[in-house]
């Protein structure tokens, strides 16, 4: 589990848009029981890093 210091350090490098997205996800996420932690920012960065677009 993240301590407050680790959490603050992990949030310092995020942009305003990334912070808004994390806050929105946190506020809108239904609490249904077990919740697996994942980083949406890291997942998006991985997807965006390998994007392939069609050429004409």
N, C-alpha and C. Protein backbone atom coordinates (compact mmCIF):
# COMPACT_ATOMS: atom_id res chain seq x y z
N UNK A 1 0.83 -1.18 0.00
CA UNK A 1 0.00 0.00 0.00
C UNK A 1 0.88 1.24 0.00
N UNK A 2 0.46 2.27 -0.70
CA UNK A 2 1.24 3.50 -0.79
C UNK A 2 1.15 4.31 0.49
N UNK A 3 2.30 4.78 0.95
CA UNK A 3 2.30 5.72 2.05
C UNK A 3 2.03 7.10 1.46
N UNK A 4 1.62 8.07 2.27
CA UNK A 4 1.35 9.41 1.74
C UNK A 4 2.56 10.01 1.00
N UNK A 5 3.78 9.79 1.51
CA UNK A 5 4.97 10.32 0.85
C UNK A 5 5.17 9.69 -0.53
N UNK A 6 5.01 8.37 -0.61
CA UNK A 6 5.16 7.69 -1.90
C UNK A 6 4.08 8.13 -2.88
N UNK A 7 2.87 8.32 -2.39
CA UNK A 7 1.78 8.75 -3.25
C UNK A 7 2.06 10.14 -3.81
N UNK A 8 2.49 11.05 -2.97
CA UNK A 8 2.81 12.41 -3.43
C UNK A 8 3.95 12.40 -4.44
N UNK A 9 4.96 11.59 -4.20
CA UNK A 9 6.08 11.50 -5.13
C UNK A 9 5.63 10.94 -6.48
N UNK A 10 4.72 9.99 -6.46
CA UNK A 10 4.25 9.40 -7.72
C UNK A 10 3.35 10.35 -8.50
N UNK A 11 2.71 11.31 -7.81
CA UNK A 11 1.82 12.26 -8.48
C UNK A 11 2.54 13.51 -8.97
N UNK A 12 3.73 13.78 -8.45
CA UNK A 12 4.43 15.01 -8.79
C UNK A 12 4.76 15.14 -10.26
N UNK A 13 5.06 14.04 -10.93
CA UNK A 13 5.49 14.10 -12.33
C UNK A 13 4.32 14.08 -13.33
N UNK A 14 3.08 13.98 -12.85
CA UNK A 14 1.93 13.91 -13.75
C UNK A 14 1.50 15.30 -14.21
N UNK A 15 0.98 15.37 -15.40
CA UNK A 15 0.46 16.64 -15.93
C UNK A 15 -0.92 16.92 -15.33
N UNK A 16 -1.40 18.13 -15.53
CA UNK A 16 -2.72 18.51 -15.02
C UNK A 16 -3.81 17.62 -15.63
N UNK A 17 -3.69 17.32 -16.91
CA UNK A 17 -4.68 16.46 -17.56
C UNK A 17 -4.68 15.05 -16.96
N UNK A 18 -3.51 14.51 -16.69
CA UNK A 18 -3.43 13.18 -16.10
C UNK A 18 -3.99 13.18 -14.68
N UNK A 19 -3.74 14.24 -13.91
CA UNK A 19 -4.29 14.33 -12.56
C UNK A 19 -5.81 14.43 -12.58
N UNK A 20 -6.36 15.19 -13.53
CA UNK A 20 -7.82 15.29 -13.65
C UNK A 20 -8.42 13.94 -13.99
N UNK A 21 -7.77 13.19 -14.88
CA UNK A 21 -8.28 11.87 -15.26
C UNK A 21 -8.29 10.92 -14.07
N UNK A 22 -7.20 10.91 -13.29
CA UNK A 22 -7.15 10.04 -12.12
C UNK A 22 -8.22 10.42 -11.11
N UNK A 23 -8.44 11.71 -10.90
CA UNK A 23 -9.46 12.16 -9.97
C UNK A 23 -10.85 11.76 -10.46
N UNK A 24 -11.10 11.93 -11.75
CA UNK A 24 -12.40 11.55 -12.32
C UNK A 24 -12.64 10.06 -12.17
N UNK A 25 -11.64 9.25 -12.46
CA UNK A 25 -11.78 7.80 -12.30
C UNK A 25 -12.06 7.43 -10.85
N UNK A 26 -11.35 8.08 -9.94
CA UNK A 26 -11.54 7.77 -8.51
C UNK A 26 -12.94 8.14 -8.05
N UNK A 27 -13.45 9.28 -8.48
CA UNK A 27 -14.75 9.74 -8.02
C UNK A 27 -15.91 8.99 -8.67
N UNK A 28 -15.71 8.44 -9.87
CA UNK A 28 -16.80 7.77 -10.57
C UNK A 28 -16.75 6.25 -10.49
N UNK A 29 -15.70 5.70 -9.89
CA UNK A 29 -15.54 4.25 -9.82
C UNK A 29 -16.52 3.67 -8.80
N UNK A 30 -17.30 2.68 -9.24
CA UNK A 30 -18.21 2.01 -8.33
C UNK A 30 -17.41 1.08 -7.42
N UNK A 31 -17.73 1.10 -6.17
CA UNK A 31 -17.07 0.23 -5.20
C UNK A 31 -17.91 -1.05 -5.07
N UNK A 32 -17.47 -2.11 -5.75
CA UNK A 32 -18.24 -3.35 -5.78
C UNK A 32 -17.58 -4.49 -5.02
N UNK A 33 -16.48 -4.25 -4.41
CA UNK A 33 -15.79 -5.32 -3.70
C UNK A 33 -14.31 -5.26 -4.00
N UNK A 34 -13.77 -6.34 -4.52
CA UNK A 34 -12.35 -6.38 -4.84
C UNK A 34 -12.04 -5.38 -5.95
N UNK A 35 -10.91 -4.74 -5.80
CA UNK A 35 -10.50 -3.73 -6.77
C UNK A 35 -9.03 -3.92 -7.07
N UNK A 36 -8.72 -4.34 -8.29
CA UNK A 36 -7.33 -4.52 -8.68
C UNK A 36 -6.78 -3.17 -9.11
N UNK A 37 -5.64 -2.83 -8.53
CA UNK A 37 -5.02 -1.55 -8.86
C UNK A 37 -4.31 -1.66 -10.19
N UNK A 38 -4.50 -0.65 -11.00
CA UNK A 38 -3.75 -0.55 -12.24
C UNK A 38 -3.54 0.92 -12.52
N UNK A 39 -2.54 1.20 -13.27
CA UNK A 39 -2.23 2.58 -13.59
C UNK A 39 -2.75 2.88 -14.99
N UNK A 40 -3.81 3.67 -15.08
CA UNK A 40 -4.36 4.03 -16.37
C UNK A 40 -3.38 4.88 -17.16
N UNK A 41 -2.61 5.70 -16.48
CA UNK A 41 -1.63 6.56 -17.16
C UNK A 41 -0.56 5.69 -17.82
N UNK A 42 0.00 4.72 -17.08
CA UNK A 42 1.01 3.85 -17.66
C UNK A 42 0.43 3.02 -18.81
N UNK A 43 -0.80 2.56 -18.66
CA UNK A 43 -1.45 1.76 -19.71
C UNK A 43 -1.63 2.60 -20.98
N UNK A 44 -2.09 3.85 -20.83
CA UNK A 44 -2.26 4.73 -21.97
C UNK A 44 -0.93 5.07 -22.62
N UNK A 45 0.08 5.31 -21.81
CA UNK A 45 1.40 5.62 -22.35
C UNK A 45 1.94 4.46 -23.17
N UNK A 46 1.72 3.23 -22.69
CA UNK A 46 2.17 2.05 -23.41
C UNK A 46 1.40 1.91 -24.73
N UNK A 47 0.10 2.17 -24.70
CA UNK A 47 -0.68 2.08 -25.93
C UNK A 47 -0.27 3.17 -26.92
N UNK A 48 -0.10 4.39 -26.44
CA UNK A 48 0.24 5.50 -27.30
C UNK A 48 1.66 5.40 -27.86
N UNK A 49 2.55 4.75 -27.13
CA UNK A 49 3.93 4.61 -27.59
C UNK A 49 4.03 3.70 -28.80
N UNK A 50 3.11 2.77 -28.94
CA UNK A 50 3.17 1.79 -30.02
C UNK A 50 2.07 1.97 -31.06
N UNK A 51 1.57 3.17 -31.20
CA UNK A 51 0.47 3.42 -32.11
C UNK A 51 0.92 3.24 -33.57
N UNK A 52 0.07 2.62 -34.35
CA UNK A 52 0.33 2.41 -35.77
C UNK A 52 -0.82 3.01 -36.54
N UNK A 53 -0.52 3.95 -37.41
CA UNK A 53 -1.54 4.61 -38.21
C UNK A 53 -1.41 4.20 -39.67
N UNK A 54 -2.52 4.10 -40.38
CA UNK A 54 -2.46 3.74 -41.81
C UNK A 54 -1.86 4.87 -42.63
N UNK A 55 -1.18 4.48 -43.70
CA UNK A 55 -0.64 5.46 -44.64
C UNK A 55 -1.40 5.40 -45.94
N UNK A 56 -1.45 6.51 -46.61
CA UNK A 56 -2.12 6.55 -47.93
C UNK A 56 -1.14 6.38 -49.03
